[in-house]
C-alpha atoms as a PDB file:
ATOM      1  CA  UNK A   1     170.622 141.901 -11.736  1.00  0.00           C
ATOM      2  CA  UNK A   2     172.069 143.184  -8.507  1.00  0.00           C
ATOM      3  CA  UNK A   3     170.517 145.772  -6.245  1.00  0.00           C
ATOM      4  CA  UNK A   4     173.011 148.652  -5.890  1.00  0.00           C
ATOM      5  CA  UNK A   5     170.766 151.660  -5.519  1.00  0.00           C
ATOM      6  CA  UNK A   6     167.508 151.288  -3.615  1.00  0.00           C
ATOM      7  CA  UNK A   7     165.088 149.404  -5.845  1.00  0.00           C
ATOM      8  CA  UNK A   8     167.078 150.133  -8.992  1.00  0.00           C
ATOM      9  CA  UNK A   9     168.831 147.032 -10.284  1.00  0.00           C
ATOM     10  CA  UNK A  10     172.291 147.101 -11.783  1.00  0.00           C
ATOM     11  CA  UNK A  11     172.215 145.576 -15.268  1.00  0.00           C
ATOM     12  CA  UNK A  12     175.753 146.483 -16.368  1.00  0.00           C
ATOM     13  CA  UNK A  13     178.064 143.649 -15.292  1.00  0.00           C
ATOM     14  CA  UNK A  14     181.158 145.767 -15.984  1.00  0.00           C
ATOM     15  CA  UNK A  15     180.414 147.819 -12.869  1.00  0.00           C
ATOM     16  CA  UNK A  16     180.685 144.729 -10.664  1.00  0.00           C
ATOM     17  CA  UNK A  17     183.918 143.717 -12.386  1.00  0.00           C
ATOM     18  CA  UNK A  18     185.388 147.204 -12.011  1.00  0.00           C
ATOM     19  CA  UNK A  19     184.456 147.377  -8.317  1.00  0.00           C
ATOM     20  CA  UNK A  20     186.246 144.084  -7.652  1.00  0.00           C
ATOM     21  CA  UNK A  21     189.232 145.113  -9.770  1.00  0.00           C
ATOM     22  CA  UNK A  22     189.458 148.412  -7.877  1.00  0.00           C
ATOM     23  CA  UNK A  23     189.622 146.513  -4.583  1.00  0.00           C
ATOM     24  CA  UNK A  24     192.600 144.517  -5.922  1.00  0.00           C
ATOM     25  CA  UNK A  25     191.577 141.425  -4.007  1.00  0.00           C
ATOM     26  CA  UNK A  26     194.019 138.601  -3.492  1.00  0.00           C
ATOM     27  CA  UNK A  27     193.340 135.062  -2.325  1.00  0.00           C
ATOM     28  CA  UNK A  28     192.562 134.942   1.390  1.00  0.00           C
ATOM     29  CA  UNK A  29     192.053 138.695   1.776  1.00  0.00           C
ATOM     30  CA  UNK A  30     189.305 139.726   4.174  1.00  0.00           C
ATOM     31  CA  UNK A  31     186.476 141.931   2.922  1.00  0.00           C
ATOM     32  CA  UNK A  32     183.588 143.692   4.635  1.00  0.00           C
ATOM     33  CA  UNK A  33     180.631 144.002   2.274  1.00  0.00           C
ATOM     34  CA  UNK A  34     177.749 146.244   3.252  1.00  0.00           C
ATOM     35  CA  UNK A  35     174.518 145.465   1.455  1.00  0.00           C
ATOM     36  CA  UNK A  36     175.288 142.309  -0.566  1.00  0.00           C
ATOM     37  CA  UNK A  37     171.740 142.299  -1.972  1.00  0.00           C
ATOM     38  CA  UNK A  38     171.307 139.400  -4.390  1.00  0.00           C
ATOM     39  CA  UNK A  39     175.002 138.503  -4.112  1.00  0.00           C
ATOM     40  CA  UNK A  40     176.412 139.139  -7.588  1.00  0.00           C
ATOM     41  CA  UNK A  41     179.321 141.212  -6.273  1.00  0.00           C
ATOM     42  CA  UNK A  42     179.753 138.863  -3.319  1.00  0.00           C
ATOM     43  CA  UNK A  43     180.000 135.907  -5.660  1.00  0.00           C
ATOM     44  CA  UNK A  44     182.609 137.654  -7.812  1.00  0.00           C
ATOM     45  CA  UNK A  45     184.783 138.381  -4.759  1.00  0.00           C
ATOM     46  CA  UNK A  46     184.418 134.841  -3.435  1.00  0.00           C
ATOM     47  CA  UNK A  47     185.379 133.407  -6.838  1.00  0.00           C
ATOM     48  CA  UNK A  48     188.625 135.351  -6.563  1.00  0.00           C
ATOM     49  CA  UNK A  49     189.443 133.722  -3.244  1.00  0.00           C
ATOM     50  CA  UNK A  50     188.456 136.548  -0.891  1.00  0.00           C
ATOM     51  CA  UNK A  51     186.976 135.852   2.540  1.00  0.00           C
ATOM     52  CA  UNK A  52     183.822 137.957   2.792  1.00  0.00           C
ATOM     53  CA  UNK A  53     181.793 139.052   5.793  1.00  0.00           C
ATOM     54  CA  UNK A  54     178.592 140.685   4.566  1.00  0.00           C
ATOM     55  CA  UNK A  55     175.988 142.681   6.484  1.00  0.00           C
ATOM     56  CA  UNK A  56     172.511 142.648   4.941  1.00  0.00           C
ATOM     57  CA  UNK A  57     169.510 144.450   6.424  1.00  0.00           C
ATOM     58  CA  UNK A  58     166.821 142.990   4.144  1.00  0.00           C
ATOM     59  CA  UNK A  59     165.448 139.780   5.681  1.00  0.00           C
ATOM     60  CA  UNK A  60     164.367 138.199   2.395  1.00  0.00           C
ATOM     61  CA  UNK A  61     167.689 138.878   0.671  1.00  0.00           C
ATOM     62  CA  UNK A  62     169.576 137.567   3.695  1.00  0.00           C
ATOM     63  CA  UNK A  63     167.568 134.343   3.605  1.00  0.00           C
ATOM     64  CA  UNK A  64     168.388 133.801  -0.067  1.00  0.00           C
ATOM     65  CA  UNK A  65     172.076 134.354   0.639  1.00  0.00           C
ATOM     66  CA  UNK A  66     171.948 131.805   3.478  1.00  0.00           C
ATOM     67  CA  UNK A  67     170.423 129.262   1.118  1.00  0.00           C
ATOM     68  CA  UNK A  68     172.904 130.012  -1.663  1.00  0.00           C
ATOM     69  CA  UNK A  69     176.358 131.521  -1.150  1.00  0.00           C
ATOM     70  CA  UNK A  70     176.532 130.594   2.532  1.00  0.00           C
ATOM     71  CA  UNK A  71     176.259 126.942   1.492  1.00  0.00           C
ATOM     72  CA  UNK A  72     178.461 127.163  -1.598  1.00  0.00           C
ATOM     73  CA  UNK A  73     181.234 129.072   0.180  1.00  0.00           C
ATOM     74  CA  UNK A  74     180.671 127.968   3.767  1.00  0.00           C
ATOM     75  CA  UNK A  75     184.341 128.416   4.731  1.00  0.00           C
ATOM     76  CA  UNK A  76     184.817 131.810   3.062  1.00  0.00           C
ATOM     77  CA  UNK A  77     181.491 133.609   3.456  1.00  0.00           C
ATOM     78  CA  UNK A  78     179.906 134.855   6.669  1.00  0.00           C
ATOM     79  CA  UNK A  79     176.573 136.678   6.718  1.00  0.00           C
ATOM     80  CA  UNK A  80     175.304 139.059   9.389  1.00  0.00           C
ATOM     81  CA  UNK A  81     171.638 139.969   9.116  1.00  0.00           C
ATOM     82  CA  UNK A  82     170.948 143.437  10.444  1.00  0.00           C
ATOM     83  CA  UNK A  83     171.505 147.167  10.155  1.00  0.00           C
ATOM     84  CA  UNK A  84     175.208 147.916   9.703  1.00  0.00           C
ATOM     85  CA  UNK A  85     174.928 151.201  11.611  1.00  0.00           C
ATOM     86  CA  UNK A  86     173.518 149.322  14.627  1.00  0.00           C
ATOM     87  CA  UNK A  87     175.935 146.386  14.443  1.00  0.00           C
ATOM     88  CA  UNK A  88     178.361 146.326  17.363  1.00  0.00           C
ATOM     89  CA  UNK A  89     180.517 143.457  16.108  1.00  0.00           C
ATOM     90  CA  UNK A  90     182.591 145.339  13.518  1.00  0.00           C
ATOM     91  CA  UNK A  91     185.783 145.900  15.507  1.00  0.00           C
ATOM     92  CA  UNK A  92     185.835 142.338  16.829  1.00  0.00           C
ATOM     93  CA  UNK A  93     185.089 140.738  13.467  1.00  0.00           C
ATOM     94  CA  UNK A  94     188.022 142.459  11.760  1.00  0.00           C
ATOM     95  CA  UNK A  95     190.484 142.623  14.638  1.00  0.00           C
ATOM     96  CA  UNK A  96     194.030 141.957  13.433  1.00  0.00           C
ATOM     97  CA  UNK A  97     195.806 139.087  15.192  1.00  0.00           C
ATOM     98  CA  UNK A  98     199.209 140.781  14.957  1.00  0.00           C
ATOM     99  CA  UNK A  99     200.579 144.086  13.590  1.00  0.00           C
ATOM    100  CA  UNK A 100     201.804 142.077  10.586  1.00  0.00           C
ATOM    101  CA  UNK A 101     198.289 140.859   9.758  1.00  0.00           C
ATOM    102  CA  UNK A 102     197.150 142.625   6.558  1.00  0.00           C
ATOM    103  CA  UNK A 103     194.360 145.141   6.921  1.00  0.00           C
ATOM    104  CA  UNK A 104     190.973 144.237   5.472  1.00  0.00           C
ATOM    105  CA  UNK A 105     189.039 145.970   2.673  1.00  0.00           C
ATOM    106  CA  UNK A 106     185.496 147.267   2.285  1.00  0.00           C
ATOM    107  CA  UNK A 107     183.081 147.078  -0.631  1.00  0.00           C
ATOM    108  CA  UNK A 108     179.905 148.939   0.271  1.00  0.00           C
ATOM    109  CA  UNK A 109     176.509 149.084  -1.389  1.00  0.00           C
ATOM    110  CA  UNK A 110     174.428 151.435   0.695  1.00  0.00           C
ATOM    111  CA  UNK A 111     171.485 153.797   0.235  1.00  0.00           C
ATOM    112  CA  UNK A 112     172.812 157.231  -0.621  1.00  0.00           C
ATOM    113  CA  UNK A 113     171.073 158.841   2.346  1.00  0.00           C
ATOM    114  CA  UNK A 114     173.315 157.012   4.848  1.00  0.00           C
ATOM    115  CA  UNK A 115     176.674 157.354   3.092  1.00  0.00           C
ATOM    116  CA  UNK A 116     177.802 160.082   5.498  1.00  0.00           C
ATOM    117  CA  UNK A 117     176.910 157.986   8.565  1.00  0.00           C
ATOM    118  CA  UNK A 118     178.741 154.946   7.186  1.00  0.00           C
ATOM    119  CA  UNK A 119     181.841 156.991   6.344  1.00  0.00           C
ATOM    120  CA  UNK A 120     181.896 158.412   9.869  1.00  0.00           C
ATOM    121  CA  UNK A 121     182.074 154.842  11.191  1.00  0.00           C
ATOM    122  CA  UNK A 122     184.619 153.425   8.738  1.00  0.00           C
ATOM    123  CA  UNK A 123     187.056 156.225   7.886  1.00  0.00           C
ATOM    124  CA  UNK A 124     188.621 156.397  11.385  1.00  0.00           C
ATOM    125  CA  UNK A 125     189.384 152.649  11.196  1.00  0.00           C
ATOM    126  CA  UNK A 126     192.643 153.011   9.301  1.00  0.00           C
ATOM    127  CA  UNK A 127     194.259 150.462  11.588  1.00  0.00           C
ATOM    128  CA  UNK A 128     191.663 147.913  10.411  1.00  0.00           C
ATOM    129  CA  UNK A 129     190.901 148.736   6.767  1.00  0.00           C
ATOM    130  CA  UNK A 130     193.305 149.675   3.974  1.00  0.00           C
ATOM    131  CA  UNK A 131     190.910 150.367   1.105  1.00  0.00           C
ATOM    132  CA  UNK A 132     187.193 151.047   0.701  1.00  0.00           C
ATOM    133  CA  UNK A 133     185.121 150.945  -2.488  1.00  0.00           C
ATOM    134  CA  UNK A 134     181.675 152.555  -2.579  1.00  0.00           C
ATOM    135  CA  UNK A 135     178.927 153.316  -5.043  1.00  0.00           C
ATOM    136  CA  UNK A 136     178.161 157.006  -4.526  1.00  0.00           C
ATOM    137  CA  UNK A 137     176.017 159.677  -6.056  1.00  0.00           C
ATOM    138  CA  UNK A 138     178.274 161.372  -8.611  1.00  0.00           C
ATOM    139  CA  UNK A 139     177.773 164.886  -7.237  1.00  0.00           C
ATOM    140  CA  UNK A 140     178.675 163.844  -3.696  1.00  0.00           C
ATOM    141  CA  UNK A 141     181.730 161.863  -4.821  1.00  0.00           C
ATOM    142  CA  UNK A 142     183.116 164.774  -6.824  1.00  0.00           C
ATOM    143  CA  UNK A 143     182.744 167.010  -3.793  1.00  0.00           C
ATOM    144  CA  UNK A 144     184.559 164.604  -1.480  1.00  0.00           C
ATOM    145  CA  UNK A 145     187.406 163.713  -3.840  1.00  0.00           C
ATOM    146  CA  UNK A 146     188.471 167.316  -4.367  1.00  0.00           C
ATOM    147  CA  UNK A 147     190.865 168.646  -1.759  1.00  0.00           C
ATOM    148  CA  UNK A 148     191.026 172.151  -3.204  1.00  0.00           C
ATOM    149  CA  UNK A 149     189.473 174.374  -0.577  1.00  0.00           C
ATOM    150  CA  UNK A 150     187.601 177.402  -1.861  1.00  0.00           C
ATOM    151  CA  UNK A 151     184.842 175.733  -3.845  1.00  0.00           C
ATOM    152  CA  UNK A 152     181.253 176.493  -2.972  1.00  0.00           C
ATOM    153  CA  UNK A 153     180.579 172.823  -2.222  1.00  0.00           C
ATOM    154  CA  UNK A 154     183.565 172.362   0.121  1.00  0.00           C
ATOM    155  CA  UNK A 155     182.227 171.615   3.593  1.00  0.00           C
ATOM    156  CA  UNK A 156     182.905 170.000   6.965  1.00  0.00           C
ATOM    157  CA  UNK A 157     182.569 166.463   5.570  1.00  0.00           C
ATOM    158  CA  UNK A 158     185.293 167.279   3.036  1.00  0.00           C
ATOM    159  CA  UNK A 159     187.644 168.102   5.917  1.00  0.00           C
ATOM    160  CA  UNK A 160     186.746 164.838   7.668  1.00  0.00           C
ATOM    161  CA  UNK A 161     187.326 162.723   4.546  1.00  0.00           C
ATOM    162  CA  UNK A 162     190.759 164.222   3.855  1.00  0.00           C
ATOM    163  CA  UNK A 163     191.823 164.072   7.502  1.00  0.00           C
ATOM    164  CA  UNK A 164     191.184 160.331   7.678  1.00  0.00           C
ATOM    165  CA  UNK A 165     191.820 159.145   4.120  1.00  0.00           C
ATOM    166  CA  UNK A 166     192.989 159.654   0.570  1.00  0.00           C
ATOM    167  CA  UNK A 167     189.875 159.532  -1.636  1.00  0.00           C
ATOM    168  CA  UNK A 168     190.077 158.651  -5.324  1.00  0.00           C
ATOM    169  CA  UNK A 169     187.631 158.492  -8.214  1.00  0.00           C
ATOM    170  CA  UNK A 170     187.247 155.152 -10.018  1.00  0.00           C
ATOM    171  CA  UNK A 171     184.616 155.450 -12.753  1.00  0.00           C
ATOM    172  CA  UNK A 172     181.209 156.898 -13.581  1.00  0.00           C
ATOM    173  CA  UNK A 173     178.138 154.663 -13.453  1.00  0.00           C
ATOM    174  CA  UNK A 174     175.543 156.125 -15.786  1.00  0.00           C
ATOM    175  CA  UNK A 175     171.813 155.991 -15.208  1.00  0.00           C
ATOM    176  CA  UNK A 176     171.284 153.453 -17.974  1.00  0.00           C
ATOM    177  CA  UNK A 177     173.447 150.977 -16.033  1.00  0.00           C
ATOM    178  CA  UNK A 178     170.332 150.480 -13.868  1.00  0.00           C
ATOM    179  CA  UNK A 179     166.829 149.256 -14.517  1.00  0.00           C
ATOM    180  CA  UNK A 180     164.775 151.316 -14.064  1.00  0.00           C
ATOM    181  CA  UNK A 181     167.175 154.274 -14.461  1.00  0.00           C
ATOM    182  CA  UNK A 182     167.447 156.404 -11.276  1.00  0.00           C
ATOM    183  CA  UNK A 183     167.155 160.181 -11.217  1.00  0.00           C
ATOM    184  CA  UNK A 184     170.821 160.733 -10.339  1.00  0.00           C
ATOM    185  CA  UNK A 185     174.170 159.849 -11.843  1.00  0.00           C
ATOM    186  CA  UNK A 186     176.352 157.471  -9.835  1.00  0.00           C
ATOM    187  CA  UNK A 187     179.991 156.426  -9.688  1.00  0.00           C
ATOM    188  CA  UNK A 188     182.482 154.160  -7.982  1.00  0.00           C
ATOM    189  CA  UNK A 189     184.704 155.977  -5.486  1.00  0.00           C
ATOM    190  CA  UNK A 190     187.510 154.699  -3.273  1.00  0.00           C
ATOM    191  CA  UNK A 191     188.986 155.789   0.061  1.00  0.00           C
ATOM    192  CA  UNK A 192     192.386 154.706   1.356  1.00  0.00           C
ATOM    193  CA  UNK A 193     192.185 155.198   5.138  1.00  0.00           C
ATOM    194  CA  UNK A 194     195.306 156.559   6.798  1.00  0.00           C
ATOM    195  CA  UNK A 195     196.898 154.475   9.518  1.00  0.00           C
ATOM    196  CA  UNK A 196     196.967 156.090  12.989  1.00  0.00           C
ATOM    197  CA  UNK A 197     200.596 157.197  12.668  1.00  0.00           C
ATOM    198  CA  UNK A 198     199.758 159.015   9.411  1.00  0.00           C
ATOM    199  CA  UNK A 199     197.097 161.256  10.973  1.00  0.00           C
ATOM    200  CA  UNK A 200     198.002 164.850  11.778  1.00  0.00           C
ATOM    201  CA  UNK A 201     198.351 165.255  15.577  1.00  0.00           C
ATOM    202  CA  UNK A 202     195.544 167.078  17.385  1.00  0.00           C
ATOM    203  CA  UNK A 203     195.497 168.991  20.670  1.00  0.00           C
ATOM    204  CA  UNK A 204     192.382 167.086  21.662  1.00  0.00           C
ATOM    205  CA  UNK A 205     190.246 164.201  20.523  1.00  0.00           C
ATOM    206  CA  UNK A 206     189.011 163.528  16.998  1.00  0.00           C
ATOM    207  CA  UNK A 207     185.467 164.209  18.198  1.00  0.00           C
ATOM    208  CA  UNK A 208     186.477 167.605  19.587  1.00  0.00           C
ATOM    209  CA  UNK A 209     188.215 168.475  16.317  1.00  0.00           C
ATOM    210  CA  UNK A 210     185.235 167.675  14.118  1.00  0.00           C
ATOM    211  CA  UNK A 211     182.839 169.448  16.483  1.00  0.00           C
ATOM    212  CA  UNK A 212     185.117 172.471  16.077  1.00  0.00           C
ATOM    213  CA  UNK A 213     185.152 172.131  12.283  1.00  0.00           C
ATOM    214  CA  UNK A 214     181.371 171.823  12.241  1.00  0.00           C
ATOM    215  CA  UNK A 215     181.131 175.039  14.275  1.00  0.00           C
ATOM    216  CA  UNK A 216     183.411 176.781  11.764  1.00  0.00           C
ATOM    217  CA  UNK A 217     181.002 175.795   8.977  1.00  0.00           C
ATOM    218  CA  UNK A 218     177.882 176.728  10.968  1.00  0.00           C
ATOM    219  CA  UNK A 219     177.131 179.515   8.504  1.00  0.00           C
ATOM    220  CA  UNK A 220     179.449 178.902   5.582  1.00  0.00           C
ATOM    221  CA  UNK A 221     178.385 182.021   3.702  1.00  0.00           C
ATOM    222  CA  UNK A 222     179.571 184.190   6.573  1.00  0.00           C
ATOM    223  CA  UNK A 223     183.161 185.014   7.366  1.00  0.00           C
ATOM    224  CA  UNK A 224     184.950 182.383   9.444  1.00  0.00           C
ATOM    225  CA  UNK A 225     185.613 184.994  12.111  1.00  0.00           C
ATOM    226  CA  UNK A 226     181.883 185.328  12.801  1.00  0.00           C
ATOM    227  CA  UNK A 227     181.473 181.577  13.266  1.00  0.00           C
ATOM    228  CA  UNK A 228     184.518 181.409  15.546  1.00  0.00           C
ATOM    229  CA  UNK A 229     182.978 183.880  18.003  1.00  0.00           C
ATOM    230  CA  UNK A 230     181.104 180.931  19.505  1.00  0.00           C
ATOM    231  CA  UNK A 231     184.387 179.087  20.068  1.00  0.00           C
ATOM    232  CA  UNK A 232     187.060 181.566  21.133  1.00  0.00           C
ATOM    233  CA  UNK A 233     187.713 185.210  22.105  1.00  0.00           C
ATOM    234  CA  UNK A 234     188.915 188.063  19.892  1.00  0.00           C
ATOM    235  CA  UNK A 235     192.550 187.884  20.999  1.00  0.00           C
ATOM    236  CA  UNK A 236     192.745 184.159  20.233  1.00  0.00           C
ATOM    237  CA  UNK A 237     191.169 184.747  16.833  1.00  0.00           C
ATOM    238  CA  UNK A 238     193.700 187.465  16.020  1.00  0.00           C
ATOM    239  CA  UNK A 239     196.547 185.071  16.850  1.00  0.00           C
ATOM    240  CA  UNK A 240     194.967 182.274  14.847  1.00  0.00           C
ATOM    241  CA  UNK A 241     194.518 184.341  11.697  1.00  0.00           C
ATOM    242  CA  UNK A 242     198.073 185.627  12.003  1.00  0.00           C
ATOM    243  CA  UNK A 243     199.323 182.027  12.278  1.00  0.00           C
ATOM    244  CA  UNK A 244     197.397 181.024   9.158  1.00  0.00           C
ATOM    245  CA  UNK A 245     198.451 184.188   7.321  1.00  0.00           C
ATOM    246  CA  UNK A 246     194.849 184.640   6.281  1.00  0.00           C
ATOM    247  CA  UNK A 247     192.864 187.847   5.914  1.00  0.00           C
ATOM    248  CA  UNK A 248     190.048 188.649   8.294  1.00  0.00           C
ATOM    249  CA  UNK A 249     187.435 188.079   5.590  1.00  0.00           C
ATOM    250  CA  UNK A 250     188.313 184.436   4.909  1.00  0.00           C
ATOM    251  CA  UNK A 251     185.295 182.113   4.700  1.00  0.00           C
ATOM    252  CA  UNK A 252     185.002 178.558   6.122  1.00  0.00           C
ATOM    253  CA  UNK A 253     185.259 176.817   2.727  1.00  0.00           C
ATOM    254  CA  UNK A 254     188.574 178.545   1.934  1.00  0.00           C
ATOM    255  CA  UNK A 255     190.653 176.719   4.563  1.00  0.00           C
ATOM    256  CA  UNK A 256     192.303 173.390   3.784  1.00  0.00           C
ATOM    257  CA  UNK A 257     192.106 170.385   6.078  1.00  0.00           C
ATOM    258  CA  UNK A 258     195.686 171.079   7.230  1.00  0.00           C
ATOM    259  CA  UNK A 259     194.757 174.675   8.084  1.00  0.00           C
ATOM    260  CA  UNK A 260     191.791 173.496  10.145  1.00  0.00           C
ATOM    261  CA  UNK A 261     194.136 171.272  12.138  1.00  0.00           C
ATOM    262  CA  UNK A 262     196.473 174.252  12.739  1.00  0.00           C
ATOM    263  CA  UNK A 263     193.536 176.432  13.729  1.00  0.00           C
ATOM    264  CA  UNK A 264     192.116 173.848  16.131  1.00  0.00           C
ATOM    265  CA  UNK A 265     195.478 173.193  17.753  1.00  0.00           C
ATOM    266  CA  UNK A 266     196.041 176.930  18.245  1.00  0.00           C
ATOM    267  CA  UNK A 267     192.684 177.784  19.801  1.00  0.00           C
ATOM    268  CA  UNK A 268     192.883 174.731  22.080  1.00  0.00           C
END
């Protein structure tokens, strides 16, 4: 059994197979694995010829991996023991030697309460990673995959995901795939990060843009105009809404990612 979700152990081997298939790994391809756990998924990727760098926070699990897969695949498997969110070696470890060097891939097994933090680190790295496979809570994945603004669950993170990547749904992972069964449904979800030249241009930094988007969603049940009062004056707002061809009563969740970029660039 492999730990995918806290202390719930994955007992359905097809999920591991489907995660590896979704990553479309070829011999020699580089992979970042977050949370290798007992190493079942790691082993499957290594058997297919991938070169895996894994980051494992649990000391006991890391020790078992050092005694096992690190020995068996000493030339293809590298283990970093520690908290991924505190690891400062990511950019260096996956730096591309030349522009022709293929981008790496990610297969991540992380607690659901840090998925947002991990995505904030990885999604902007489109010059480093070309595909990312995660196990997510089903409800969260469905929210992030949809790019149709207007839904009640559309929020600032949705804008971030679609600015940086093209998300796609892979397959559901039902509760009975785990032992003991968790309280939530899960799924495999993928993100194809956009390369820097594919990103929509901003009149400012990425950080400034997402701070702006967050301000727009400050009170998502209120009209966008009310939230924008903290960001710009009335005249600027009038020009912005005219540019977007939106009514004055539009709400934050009704704007698409592209419209948020237009809005940000105008008020800047």
